N, C-alpha and C. Protein backbone atom coordinates (compact mmCIF):
# COMPACT_ATOMS: atom_id res chain seq x y z
N MET A 1 12.81 -17.03 -7.04
CA MET A 1 11.64 -17.18 -6.16
C MET A 1 11.74 -16.20 -5.00
N ILE A 2 10.63 -15.55 -4.72
CA ILE A 2 10.52 -14.64 -3.58
C ILE A 2 9.60 -15.28 -2.55
N ASP A 3 10.04 -15.37 -1.30
CA ASP A 3 9.14 -15.71 -0.21
C ASP A 3 8.57 -14.41 0.34
N LEU A 4 7.24 -14.36 0.47
CA LEU A 4 6.54 -13.17 0.96
C LEU A 4 5.76 -13.52 2.19
N TRP A 5 6.06 -12.83 3.27
CA TRP A 5 5.28 -12.95 4.51
C TRP A 5 4.33 -11.75 4.54
N THR A 6 3.04 -12.00 4.65
CA THR A 6 2.08 -10.92 4.48
C THR A 6 0.76 -11.22 5.16
N TRP A 7 -0.12 -10.24 5.14
CA TRP A 7 -1.49 -10.37 5.63
C TRP A 7 -2.35 -9.40 4.82
N SER A 8 -3.66 -9.51 4.96
CA SER A 8 -4.60 -8.74 4.13
C SER A 8 -4.76 -7.32 4.66
N THR A 9 -3.69 -6.54 4.56
CA THR A 9 -3.69 -5.14 4.98
C THR A 9 -3.17 -4.30 3.83
N PRO A 10 -3.37 -2.98 3.88
CA PRO A 10 -2.82 -2.15 2.80
C PRO A 10 -1.32 -2.33 2.60
N ASN A 11 -0.55 -2.36 3.67
CA ASN A 11 0.89 -2.51 3.50
C ASN A 11 1.25 -3.86 2.89
N GLY A 12 0.57 -4.91 3.31
CA GLY A 12 0.82 -6.21 2.73
C GLY A 12 0.43 -6.26 1.27
N ARG A 13 -0.69 -5.65 0.93
CA ARG A 13 -1.17 -5.69 -0.46
C ARG A 13 -0.27 -4.91 -1.40
N LYS A 14 0.42 -3.90 -0.91
CA LYS A 14 1.36 -3.18 -1.77
C LYS A 14 2.32 -4.15 -2.44
N VAL A 15 2.90 -5.04 -1.65
CA VAL A 15 3.96 -5.90 -2.17
C VAL A 15 3.39 -7.03 -3.03
N SER A 16 2.28 -7.62 -2.63
CA SER A 16 1.71 -8.68 -3.46
C SER A 16 1.22 -8.14 -4.79
N ILE A 17 0.65 -6.93 -4.81
CA ILE A 17 0.26 -6.31 -6.07
C ILE A 17 1.49 -6.05 -6.93
N LEU A 18 2.54 -5.54 -6.33
CA LEU A 18 3.76 -5.27 -7.09
C LEU A 18 4.34 -6.56 -7.67
N LEU A 19 4.40 -7.61 -6.88
CA LEU A 19 4.91 -8.88 -7.39
C LEU A 19 4.09 -9.38 -8.57
N GLU A 20 2.78 -9.21 -8.50
CA GLU A 20 1.93 -9.61 -9.61
C GLU A 20 2.18 -8.73 -10.84
N GLU A 21 2.32 -7.44 -10.65
CA GLU A 21 2.59 -6.55 -11.77
C GLU A 21 3.93 -6.86 -12.42
N LEU A 22 4.92 -7.23 -11.63
CA LEU A 22 6.25 -7.52 -12.15
C LEU A 22 6.35 -8.91 -12.75
N GLY A 23 5.39 -9.77 -12.43
CA GLY A 23 5.42 -11.14 -12.93
C GLY A 23 6.49 -12.00 -12.29
N LEU A 24 6.87 -11.65 -11.07
CA LEU A 24 7.89 -12.43 -10.37
C LEU A 24 7.24 -13.62 -9.67
N PRO A 25 7.88 -14.79 -9.71
CA PRO A 25 7.35 -15.92 -8.95
C PRO A 25 7.54 -15.69 -7.45
N TYR A 26 6.49 -15.98 -6.69
CA TYR A 26 6.60 -15.80 -5.24
C TYR A 26 5.75 -16.83 -4.52
N ARG A 27 6.14 -17.07 -3.28
CA ARG A 27 5.45 -18.02 -2.41
C ARG A 27 4.99 -17.25 -1.18
N THR A 28 3.72 -17.39 -0.86
CA THR A 28 3.11 -16.60 0.21
C THR A 28 3.10 -17.36 1.54
N HIS A 29 3.44 -16.64 2.59
CA HIS A 29 3.34 -17.15 3.96
C HIS A 29 2.41 -16.20 4.71
N ALA A 30 1.23 -16.67 5.06
CA ALA A 30 0.27 -15.83 5.77
C ALA A 30 0.73 -15.63 7.22
N VAL A 31 0.74 -14.38 7.65
CA VAL A 31 1.08 -14.03 9.04
C VAL A 31 -0.16 -13.39 9.63
N ASP A 32 -0.92 -14.15 10.40
CA ASP A 32 -2.18 -13.66 10.95
C ASP A 32 -1.88 -12.71 12.11
N ILE A 33 -1.92 -11.42 11.83
CA ILE A 33 -1.57 -10.44 12.85
C ILE A 33 -2.65 -10.32 13.91
N THR A 34 -3.84 -10.85 13.65
CA THR A 34 -4.89 -10.84 14.67
C THR A 34 -4.65 -11.92 15.73
N GLN A 35 -3.77 -12.87 15.42
CA GLN A 35 -3.46 -13.95 16.34
C GLN A 35 -2.03 -13.85 16.90
N GLY A 36 -1.37 -12.73 16.64
CA GLY A 36 -0.03 -12.51 17.17
C GLY A 36 1.08 -13.27 16.47
N GLU A 37 0.81 -13.78 15.25
CA GLU A 37 1.83 -14.56 14.56
C GLU A 37 3.03 -13.71 14.14
N GLN A 38 2.88 -12.39 14.14
CA GLN A 38 3.99 -11.52 13.79
C GLN A 38 5.10 -11.52 14.85
N PHE A 39 4.82 -12.12 16.00
CA PHE A 39 5.82 -12.18 17.07
C PHE A 39 6.53 -13.53 17.14
N SER A 40 6.25 -14.41 16.18
CA SER A 40 6.89 -15.72 16.21
C SER A 40 8.37 -15.59 15.87
N PRO A 41 9.22 -16.41 16.47
CA PRO A 41 10.66 -16.33 16.20
C PRO A 41 11.00 -16.47 14.73
N ASP A 42 10.30 -17.34 14.01
CA ASP A 42 10.60 -17.53 12.59
C ASP A 42 10.36 -16.24 11.80
N PHE A 43 9.26 -15.56 12.11
CA PHE A 43 8.98 -14.32 11.39
C PHE A 43 9.94 -13.21 11.81
N LEU A 44 10.26 -13.14 13.09
CA LEU A 44 11.18 -12.11 13.56
C LEU A 44 12.57 -12.25 12.94
N ALA A 45 12.89 -13.44 12.49
CA ALA A 45 14.20 -13.65 11.85
C ALA A 45 14.31 -12.89 10.53
N VAL A 46 13.16 -12.67 9.86
CA VAL A 46 13.20 -11.91 8.60
C VAL A 46 12.66 -10.49 8.78
N SER A 47 11.89 -10.25 9.83
CA SER A 47 11.32 -8.92 10.07
C SER A 47 11.47 -8.57 11.55
N PRO A 48 12.63 -8.06 11.95
CA PRO A 48 12.89 -7.79 13.36
C PRO A 48 11.93 -6.80 14.00
N ASN A 49 11.25 -5.98 13.19
CA ASN A 49 10.28 -5.01 13.73
C ASN A 49 8.89 -5.61 13.86
N ASN A 50 8.76 -6.91 13.68
CA ASN A 50 7.50 -7.66 13.78
C ASN A 50 6.33 -7.03 13.02
N LYS A 51 6.63 -6.55 11.83
CA LYS A 51 5.59 -5.98 10.97
C LYS A 51 5.62 -6.68 9.61
N ILE A 52 4.43 -6.91 9.04
CA ILE A 52 4.36 -7.38 7.66
C ILE A 52 4.34 -6.15 6.76
N PRO A 53 4.78 -6.28 5.49
CA PRO A 53 5.30 -7.47 4.84
C PRO A 53 6.80 -7.61 5.03
N ALA A 54 7.29 -8.79 4.66
CA ALA A 54 8.74 -9.04 4.60
C ALA A 54 8.97 -10.03 3.47
N ILE A 55 10.18 -10.00 2.92
CA ILE A 55 10.50 -10.93 1.84
C ILE A 55 11.86 -11.58 2.07
N HIS A 56 12.04 -12.73 1.43
CA HIS A 56 13.36 -13.34 1.25
C HIS A 56 13.51 -13.63 -0.24
N ASP A 57 14.58 -13.09 -0.83
CA ASP A 57 14.85 -13.30 -2.24
C ASP A 57 15.86 -14.43 -2.38
N HIS A 58 15.42 -15.54 -2.94
CA HIS A 58 16.31 -16.70 -3.07
C HIS A 58 17.40 -16.47 -4.11
N ASP A 59 17.21 -15.51 -5.02
CA ASP A 59 18.26 -15.20 -5.99
C ASP A 59 19.46 -14.55 -5.35
N THR A 60 19.21 -13.69 -4.37
CA THR A 60 20.28 -12.89 -3.78
C THR A 60 20.57 -13.24 -2.32
N GLY A 61 19.64 -13.96 -1.68
CA GLY A 61 19.79 -14.27 -0.27
C GLY A 61 19.40 -13.12 0.65
N ILE A 62 18.82 -12.05 0.10
CA ILE A 62 18.48 -10.87 0.88
C ILE A 62 17.13 -11.04 1.56
N ASP A 63 17.07 -10.70 2.86
CA ASP A 63 15.82 -10.54 3.60
C ASP A 63 15.54 -9.04 3.68
N LEU A 64 14.28 -8.66 3.52
CA LEU A 64 13.91 -7.25 3.64
C LEU A 64 12.58 -7.11 4.34
N MET A 65 12.49 -6.13 5.23
CA MET A 65 11.23 -5.71 5.82
C MET A 65 10.97 -4.27 5.35
N GLU A 66 9.82 -3.73 5.72
CA GLU A 66 9.37 -2.39 5.36
C GLU A 66 8.94 -2.34 3.89
N SER A 67 7.65 -2.07 3.70
CA SER A 67 7.06 -2.17 2.37
C SER A 67 7.72 -1.24 1.35
N GLY A 68 8.05 -0.02 1.75
CA GLY A 68 8.67 0.90 0.81
C GLY A 68 10.03 0.41 0.34
N ALA A 69 10.83 -0.09 1.27
CA ALA A 69 12.15 -0.63 0.91
C ALA A 69 12.00 -1.83 -0.01
N ILE A 70 11.04 -2.68 0.28
CA ILE A 70 10.81 -3.86 -0.56
C ILE A 70 10.40 -3.45 -1.96
N MET A 71 9.54 -2.45 -2.07
CA MET A 71 9.06 -2.02 -3.38
C MET A 71 10.20 -1.45 -4.23
N ILE A 72 11.05 -0.64 -3.63
CA ILE A 72 12.20 -0.10 -4.36
C ILE A 72 13.12 -1.24 -4.79
N TYR A 73 13.37 -2.17 -3.90
CA TYR A 73 14.24 -3.30 -4.21
C TYR A 73 13.71 -4.10 -5.40
N LEU A 74 12.44 -4.45 -5.36
CA LEU A 74 11.87 -5.28 -6.43
C LEU A 74 11.81 -4.52 -7.75
N ALA A 75 11.51 -3.22 -7.70
CA ALA A 75 11.48 -2.43 -8.93
C ALA A 75 12.88 -2.33 -9.54
N GLU A 76 13.88 -2.13 -8.69
CA GLU A 76 15.25 -2.05 -9.20
C GLU A 76 15.73 -3.41 -9.69
N LYS A 77 15.32 -4.47 -9.03
CA LYS A 77 15.72 -5.82 -9.44
C LYS A 77 15.25 -6.12 -10.87
N THR A 78 14.06 -5.64 -11.20
CA THR A 78 13.46 -5.96 -12.50
C THR A 78 13.59 -4.85 -13.52
N GLY A 79 13.94 -3.64 -13.07
CA GLY A 79 13.99 -2.51 -13.98
C GLY A 79 12.62 -2.04 -14.43
N GLN A 80 11.61 -2.27 -13.60
CA GLN A 80 10.24 -1.89 -13.95
C GLN A 80 9.62 -1.01 -12.87
N LEU A 81 8.73 -0.12 -13.30
CA LEU A 81 7.85 0.68 -12.42
C LEU A 81 8.60 1.66 -11.52
N LEU A 82 9.88 1.89 -11.82
CA LEU A 82 10.68 2.91 -11.14
C LEU A 82 11.77 3.34 -12.12
N PRO A 83 11.70 4.57 -12.62
CA PRO A 83 12.73 5.02 -13.55
C PRO A 83 14.12 4.91 -12.93
N SER A 84 15.11 4.72 -13.78
CA SER A 84 16.47 4.46 -13.28
C SER A 84 17.21 5.71 -12.85
N ALA A 85 16.79 6.88 -13.32
CA ALA A 85 17.54 8.10 -13.01
C ALA A 85 16.69 9.32 -13.32
N GLY A 86 17.19 10.47 -12.91
CA GLY A 86 16.59 11.74 -13.29
C GLY A 86 15.37 12.13 -12.49
N GLU A 87 14.72 13.19 -12.95
CA GLU A 87 13.56 13.72 -12.25
C GLU A 87 12.44 12.70 -12.16
N ALA A 88 12.26 11.89 -13.21
CA ALA A 88 11.17 10.91 -13.19
C ALA A 88 11.33 9.95 -12.01
N ARG A 89 12.56 9.52 -11.73
CA ARG A 89 12.81 8.64 -10.58
C ARG A 89 12.49 9.37 -9.28
N HIS A 90 12.94 10.61 -9.18
CA HIS A 90 12.73 11.35 -7.94
C HIS A 90 11.25 11.60 -7.68
N ARG A 91 10.47 11.81 -8.73
CA ARG A 91 9.03 12.02 -8.55
C ARG A 91 8.36 10.76 -8.01
N VAL A 92 8.75 9.61 -8.53
CA VAL A 92 8.18 8.36 -8.01
C VAL A 92 8.53 8.20 -6.53
N LEU A 93 9.80 8.43 -6.20
CA LEU A 93 10.22 8.28 -4.80
C LEU A 93 9.56 9.33 -3.90
N GLU A 94 9.37 10.53 -4.44
CA GLU A 94 8.69 11.59 -3.68
C GLU A 94 7.29 11.14 -3.25
N TRP A 95 6.53 10.57 -4.19
CA TRP A 95 5.16 10.18 -3.87
C TRP A 95 5.10 8.86 -3.10
N LEU A 96 6.10 8.02 -3.28
CA LEU A 96 6.20 6.83 -2.41
C LEU A 96 6.41 7.27 -0.97
N MET A 97 7.31 8.23 -0.75
CA MET A 97 7.57 8.72 0.61
C MET A 97 6.36 9.46 1.17
N TRP A 98 5.60 10.14 0.30
CA TRP A 98 4.36 10.80 0.75
C TRP A 98 3.41 9.76 1.33
N GLN A 99 3.31 8.63 0.66
CA GLN A 99 2.46 7.57 1.20
C GLN A 99 3.03 7.01 2.50
N MET A 100 4.32 6.73 2.51
CA MET A 100 4.93 6.12 3.69
C MET A 100 4.88 7.04 4.91
N GLY A 101 5.06 8.35 4.67
CA GLY A 101 5.15 9.28 5.79
C GLY A 101 3.85 9.92 6.19
N GLY A 102 2.86 9.94 5.30
CA GLY A 102 1.63 10.65 5.59
C GLY A 102 0.36 9.88 5.33
N PHE A 103 0.12 9.55 4.07
CA PHE A 103 -1.16 8.96 3.69
C PHE A 103 -1.43 7.66 4.45
N GLY A 104 -0.45 6.78 4.51
CA GLY A 104 -0.63 5.51 5.23
C GLY A 104 -0.79 5.68 6.73
N PRO A 105 0.18 6.35 7.39
CA PRO A 105 0.06 6.50 8.85
C PRO A 105 -1.20 7.24 9.30
N ILE A 106 -1.57 8.29 8.59
CA ILE A 106 -2.77 9.04 9.00
C ILE A 106 -4.03 8.19 8.81
N LEU A 107 -4.14 7.50 7.67
CA LEU A 107 -5.31 6.67 7.46
C LEU A 107 -5.34 5.50 8.45
N GLY A 108 -4.17 5.01 8.82
CA GLY A 108 -4.12 3.98 9.86
C GLY A 108 -4.72 4.47 11.17
N GLN A 109 -4.45 5.73 11.50
CA GLN A 109 -5.04 6.30 12.71
C GLN A 109 -6.55 6.49 12.58
N VAL A 110 -7.00 6.84 11.37
CA VAL A 110 -8.45 6.93 11.13
C VAL A 110 -9.09 5.57 11.34
N HIS A 111 -8.47 4.52 10.81
CA HIS A 111 -9.01 3.18 11.02
C HIS A 111 -9.13 2.88 12.51
N HIS A 112 -8.09 3.21 13.27
CA HIS A 112 -8.07 2.88 14.70
C HIS A 112 -9.14 3.66 15.47
N PHE A 113 -9.18 4.97 15.26
CA PHE A 113 -10.06 5.80 16.08
C PHE A 113 -11.48 5.89 15.55
N VAL A 114 -11.65 5.93 14.22
CA VAL A 114 -12.97 6.16 13.65
C VAL A 114 -13.72 4.86 13.42
N LYS A 115 -13.04 3.85 12.86
CA LYS A 115 -13.74 2.60 12.56
C LYS A 115 -13.83 1.70 13.79
N PHE A 116 -12.71 1.48 14.46
CA PHE A 116 -12.67 0.45 15.51
C PHE A 116 -12.93 0.98 16.92
N ASN A 117 -12.78 2.27 17.14
CA ASN A 117 -12.97 2.81 18.49
C ASN A 117 -13.79 4.09 18.46
N ALA A 118 -14.81 4.10 17.64
CA ALA A 118 -15.64 5.29 17.49
C ALA A 118 -16.24 5.72 18.83
N GLY A 119 -16.16 7.02 19.10
CA GLY A 119 -16.75 7.58 20.30
C GLY A 119 -15.84 7.60 21.51
N ARG A 120 -14.70 6.92 21.45
CA ARG A 120 -13.83 6.84 22.61
C ARG A 120 -12.86 8.02 22.70
N ALA A 121 -12.55 8.64 21.57
CA ALA A 121 -11.60 9.76 21.57
C ALA A 121 -12.03 10.76 20.50
N PRO A 122 -13.07 11.57 20.78
CA PRO A 122 -13.60 12.48 19.76
C PRO A 122 -12.54 13.43 19.19
N TYR A 123 -11.63 13.92 20.02
CA TYR A 123 -10.61 14.82 19.51
C TYR A 123 -9.74 14.12 18.47
N ALA A 124 -9.30 12.89 18.76
CA ALA A 124 -8.47 12.14 17.82
C ALA A 124 -9.25 11.83 16.55
N GLU A 125 -10.52 11.46 16.69
CA GLU A 125 -11.33 11.19 15.50
C GLU A 125 -11.37 12.41 14.59
N GLU A 126 -11.66 13.57 15.18
CA GLU A 126 -11.79 14.79 14.39
C GLU A 126 -10.45 15.18 13.76
N ARG A 127 -9.38 15.05 14.54
CA ARG A 127 -8.06 15.44 14.05
C ARG A 127 -7.62 14.60 12.86
N PHE A 128 -7.70 13.27 13.00
CA PHE A 128 -7.21 12.41 11.94
C PHE A 128 -8.16 12.38 10.75
N GLN A 129 -9.47 12.53 10.98
CA GLN A 129 -10.40 12.60 9.87
C GLN A 129 -10.15 13.85 9.04
N ARG A 130 -9.91 14.96 9.70
CA ARG A 130 -9.62 16.21 8.99
C ARG A 130 -8.34 16.09 8.16
N GLU A 131 -7.31 15.48 8.75
CA GLU A 131 -6.06 15.31 8.01
C GLU A 131 -6.22 14.33 6.86
N ALA A 132 -7.06 13.32 7.02
CA ALA A 132 -7.32 12.40 5.92
C ALA A 132 -7.93 13.15 4.73
N HIS A 133 -8.90 14.01 5.00
CA HIS A 133 -9.51 14.78 3.92
C HIS A 133 -8.48 15.70 3.27
N ARG A 134 -7.60 16.30 4.07
CA ARG A 134 -6.57 17.15 3.49
C ARG A 134 -5.68 16.36 2.53
N LEU A 135 -5.27 15.15 2.94
CA LEU A 135 -4.39 14.33 2.12
C LEU A 135 -5.09 13.85 0.85
N TYR A 136 -6.37 13.49 0.95
CA TYR A 136 -7.11 13.14 -0.26
C TYR A 136 -7.19 14.35 -1.20
N GLY A 137 -7.29 15.54 -0.62
CA GLY A 137 -7.30 16.74 -1.44
C GLY A 137 -5.97 16.96 -2.15
N VAL A 138 -4.87 16.69 -1.46
CA VAL A 138 -3.54 16.78 -2.07
C VAL A 138 -3.44 15.82 -3.25
N LEU A 139 -3.89 14.58 -3.02
CA LEU A 139 -3.83 13.57 -4.08
C LEU A 139 -4.73 13.95 -5.25
N ASP A 140 -5.91 14.47 -4.95
CA ASP A 140 -6.83 14.87 -6.01
C ASP A 140 -6.24 15.98 -6.88
N LYS A 141 -5.60 16.93 -6.24
CA LYS A 141 -4.96 18.02 -6.99
C LYS A 141 -3.82 17.48 -7.85
N ARG A 142 -3.04 16.56 -7.30
CA ARG A 142 -1.93 15.99 -8.06
C ARG A 142 -2.42 15.27 -9.32
N LEU A 143 -3.56 14.62 -9.21
CA LEU A 143 -4.09 13.82 -10.32
C LEU A 143 -4.97 14.62 -11.28
N ALA A 144 -5.07 15.92 -11.06
CA ALA A 144 -5.96 16.73 -11.89
C ALA A 144 -5.51 16.79 -13.35
N ASP A 145 -4.20 16.72 -13.59
CA ASP A 145 -3.69 16.88 -14.95
C ASP A 145 -2.75 15.75 -15.37
N ARG A 146 -2.90 14.59 -14.71
CA ARG A 146 -2.08 13.44 -15.08
C ARG A 146 -2.83 12.17 -14.74
N ASP A 147 -2.49 11.09 -15.42
CA ASP A 147 -3.17 9.82 -15.18
C ASP A 147 -2.73 9.15 -13.89
N PHE A 148 -1.45 9.29 -13.55
CA PHE A 148 -0.89 8.64 -12.37
C PHE A 148 -0.05 9.65 -11.60
N VAL A 149 0.28 9.32 -10.35
CA VAL A 149 0.87 10.35 -9.49
C VAL A 149 2.22 10.85 -9.98
N ALA A 150 2.98 10.00 -10.66
CA ALA A 150 4.27 10.42 -11.21
C ALA A 150 4.25 10.29 -12.73
N ASP A 151 3.11 10.58 -13.33
CA ASP A 151 2.87 10.56 -14.78
C ASP A 151 2.69 9.15 -15.32
N GLU A 152 3.68 8.29 -15.17
CA GLU A 152 3.56 6.90 -15.59
C GLU A 152 3.20 6.02 -14.39
N TYR A 153 2.45 4.97 -14.63
CA TYR A 153 2.11 4.01 -13.56
C TYR A 153 3.39 3.50 -12.91
N SER A 154 3.44 3.50 -11.58
CA SER A 154 4.69 3.20 -10.89
C SER A 154 4.42 2.62 -9.51
N ILE A 155 5.52 2.33 -8.81
CA ILE A 155 5.40 1.83 -7.45
C ILE A 155 4.73 2.85 -6.52
N ALA A 156 4.76 4.13 -6.89
CA ALA A 156 4.08 5.12 -6.06
C ALA A 156 2.57 4.89 -6.08
N ASP A 157 2.01 4.67 -7.25
CA ASP A 157 0.57 4.37 -7.35
C ASP A 157 0.23 3.09 -6.60
N ILE A 158 1.08 2.08 -6.75
CA ILE A 158 0.83 0.79 -6.11
C ILE A 158 0.89 0.92 -4.60
N ALA A 159 1.72 1.82 -4.09
CA ALA A 159 1.80 2.03 -2.64
C ALA A 159 0.59 2.78 -2.10
N ILE A 160 0.12 3.76 -2.84
CA ILE A 160 -0.99 4.60 -2.38
C ILE A 160 -2.33 3.89 -2.50
N TRP A 161 -2.53 3.16 -3.58
CA TRP A 161 -3.85 2.61 -3.90
C TRP A 161 -4.43 1.71 -2.80
N PRO A 162 -3.69 0.77 -2.20
CA PRO A 162 -4.33 -0.09 -1.19
C PRO A 162 -4.86 0.67 0.02
N TRP A 163 -4.23 1.80 0.34
CA TRP A 163 -4.76 2.61 1.45
C TRP A 163 -6.06 3.29 1.02
N ALA A 164 -6.12 3.77 -0.22
CA ALA A 164 -7.36 4.36 -0.72
C ALA A 164 -8.47 3.32 -0.83
N SER A 165 -8.10 2.04 -0.97
CA SER A 165 -9.12 1.00 -1.13
C SER A 165 -9.93 0.79 0.14
N ARG A 166 -9.51 1.40 1.23
CA ARG A 166 -10.29 1.35 2.47
C ARG A 166 -11.02 2.66 2.72
N PHE A 167 -11.42 3.30 1.64
CA PHE A 167 -12.12 4.58 1.75
C PHE A 167 -13.38 4.46 2.60
N GLU A 168 -14.04 3.31 2.57
CA GLU A 168 -15.25 3.14 3.38
C GLU A 168 -14.91 3.15 4.86
N TRP A 169 -13.80 2.50 5.24
CA TRP A 169 -13.36 2.52 6.63
C TRP A 169 -13.11 3.96 7.09
N GLN A 170 -12.65 4.77 6.16
CA GLN A 170 -12.25 6.15 6.48
C GLN A 170 -13.40 7.15 6.39
N ARG A 171 -14.59 6.66 6.02
CA ARG A 171 -15.76 7.51 5.81
C ARG A 171 -15.46 8.59 4.77
N ILE A 172 -14.74 8.18 3.74
CA ILE A 172 -14.39 9.09 2.64
C ILE A 172 -15.31 8.79 1.46
N ASP A 173 -15.92 9.82 0.93
CA ASP A 173 -16.72 9.71 -0.29
C ASP A 173 -15.81 10.10 -1.45
N LEU A 174 -15.42 9.12 -2.26
CA LEU A 174 -14.53 9.43 -3.37
C LEU A 174 -15.17 10.34 -4.40
N GLY A 175 -16.50 10.47 -4.35
CA GLY A 175 -17.16 11.42 -5.23
C GLY A 175 -16.74 12.86 -4.96
N GLU A 176 -16.24 13.13 -3.73
CA GLU A 176 -15.74 14.46 -3.40
C GLU A 176 -14.37 14.71 -4.02
N TYR A 177 -13.73 13.65 -4.49
CA TYR A 177 -12.37 13.73 -5.05
C TYR A 177 -12.39 13.04 -6.41
N PRO A 178 -12.96 13.70 -7.43
CA PRO A 178 -13.20 13.02 -8.71
C PRO A 178 -11.94 12.52 -9.40
N ASN A 179 -10.83 13.21 -9.24
CA ASN A 179 -9.59 12.74 -9.87
C ASN A 179 -9.06 11.49 -9.18
N VAL A 180 -9.18 11.45 -7.86
CA VAL A 180 -8.80 10.25 -7.12
C VAL A 180 -9.72 9.10 -7.52
N ARG A 181 -11.00 9.39 -7.63
CA ARG A 181 -11.97 8.33 -7.99
C ARG A 181 -11.62 7.72 -9.34
N ARG A 182 -11.37 8.55 -10.33
CA ARG A 182 -11.00 8.06 -11.67
C ARG A 182 -9.75 7.20 -11.62
N TRP A 183 -8.71 7.70 -10.94
CA TRP A 183 -7.44 6.97 -10.78
C TRP A 183 -7.66 5.65 -10.04
N TYR A 184 -8.43 5.70 -8.97
CA TYR A 184 -8.68 4.51 -8.15
C TYR A 184 -9.36 3.41 -8.96
N VAL A 185 -10.40 3.76 -9.69
CA VAL A 185 -11.15 2.77 -10.45
C VAL A 185 -10.29 2.19 -11.57
N GLU A 186 -9.51 3.04 -12.23
CA GLU A 186 -8.64 2.54 -13.30
C GLU A 186 -7.65 1.50 -12.79
N ILE A 187 -7.06 1.77 -11.64
CA ILE A 187 -6.10 0.81 -11.07
C ILE A 187 -6.82 -0.44 -10.58
N ALA A 188 -7.99 -0.28 -10.00
CA ALA A 188 -8.75 -1.44 -9.49
C ALA A 188 -9.06 -2.44 -10.59
N ARG A 189 -9.15 -1.97 -11.84
CA ARG A 189 -9.51 -2.83 -12.96
C ARG A 189 -8.32 -3.63 -13.51
N ARG A 190 -7.13 -3.36 -13.04
CA ARG A 190 -5.95 -4.07 -13.53
C ARG A 190 -5.96 -5.51 -12.99
N PRO A 191 -5.81 -6.52 -13.83
CA PRO A 191 -5.84 -7.92 -13.36
C PRO A 191 -4.80 -8.22 -12.29
N ALA A 192 -3.59 -7.65 -12.43
CA ALA A 192 -2.55 -7.92 -11.43
C ALA A 192 -2.94 -7.33 -10.08
N VAL A 193 -3.63 -6.20 -10.09
CA VAL A 193 -4.07 -5.58 -8.83
C VAL A 193 -5.10 -6.48 -8.14
N ALA A 194 -6.02 -7.02 -8.92
CA ALA A 194 -7.02 -7.91 -8.33
C ALA A 194 -6.37 -9.15 -7.73
N ARG A 195 -5.39 -9.72 -8.43
CA ARG A 195 -4.72 -10.91 -7.89
C ARG A 195 -3.96 -10.58 -6.61
N GLY A 196 -3.25 -9.47 -6.63
CA GLY A 196 -2.48 -9.09 -5.44
C GLY A 196 -3.34 -8.68 -4.27
N TYR A 197 -4.49 -8.10 -4.57
CA TYR A 197 -5.40 -7.68 -3.50
C TYR A 197 -5.89 -8.87 -2.69
N HIS A 198 -6.09 -9.99 -3.34
CA HIS A 198 -6.64 -11.18 -2.67
C HIS A 198 -5.54 -12.09 -2.10
N CYS A 199 -4.40 -11.53 -1.79
CA CYS A 199 -3.29 -12.27 -1.19
C CYS A 199 -3.15 -11.83 0.27
N PRO A 200 -3.00 -12.73 1.22
CA PRO A 200 -2.81 -14.17 1.09
C PRO A 200 -4.13 -14.96 1.05
N LYS A 201 -5.27 -14.24 1.14
CA LYS A 201 -6.55 -14.94 1.07
C LYS A 201 -7.62 -13.95 0.64
N TRP A 202 -8.73 -14.47 0.16
CA TRP A 202 -9.86 -13.62 -0.22
C TRP A 202 -10.55 -13.15 1.07
N VAL A 203 -10.75 -11.83 1.16
CA VAL A 203 -11.49 -11.25 2.29
C VAL A 203 -12.77 -10.62 1.81
N ASN A 204 -12.69 -9.85 0.74
CA ASN A 204 -13.85 -9.18 0.17
C ASN A 204 -13.49 -8.76 -1.25
N GLU A 205 -14.50 -8.49 -2.03
CA GLU A 205 -14.24 -7.91 -3.35
C GLU A 205 -13.63 -6.54 -3.20
N ILE A 206 -12.89 -6.11 -4.20
CA ILE A 206 -12.32 -4.76 -4.16
C ILE A 206 -13.46 -3.75 -4.07
N PRO A 207 -13.45 -2.88 -3.06
CA PRO A 207 -14.52 -1.87 -2.96
C PRO A 207 -14.47 -0.90 -4.13
N LEU A 208 -15.62 -0.59 -4.68
CA LEU A 208 -15.71 0.39 -5.76
C LEU A 208 -16.66 1.51 -5.36
N PRO A 209 -16.29 2.72 -5.68
CA PRO A 209 -17.16 3.86 -5.31
C PRO A 209 -18.42 3.91 -6.16
């Protein structure tokens, strides 16, 4: 059994989607970050950086925070969605780190400046919107000759997809990135993705371009 502390954000959805894809039993604990629940002592005991998601694995006794670390751990635990060795493994980790270091943080800034604080910082809006388009272009080029970012469906796709699912927040037209659009829709149709997307609660249907 895995205990999962999460909320309806891209980072939270990465782990719930992965748990669904892996078929691991898990119990959800909603952490309402709009109400400051991420600062509660109980949550800080498993996630000292006060960020969701976090897990506790009852099989091993391990607590983990940081979505990328959790995804690698769960994939290695089950032997699924992350090759065990060689170039194939490195490619998955390469694109997972691309999401962790660029795609996620930049789109998070777009959400902050463009969606929630439009007009307050025009320079920041323009800067992060431009970088968002550049990153979507990188992803589109990567997907031009393959079905998934590391050839086979993997934790890299699962990490990237929830951030792309907020394309409307980012004022991104996926029609401008046809390879991303095809990849996005294919993943959106997976039953495990739909179940994980609606964790810990239903907020909206999965956006489709």
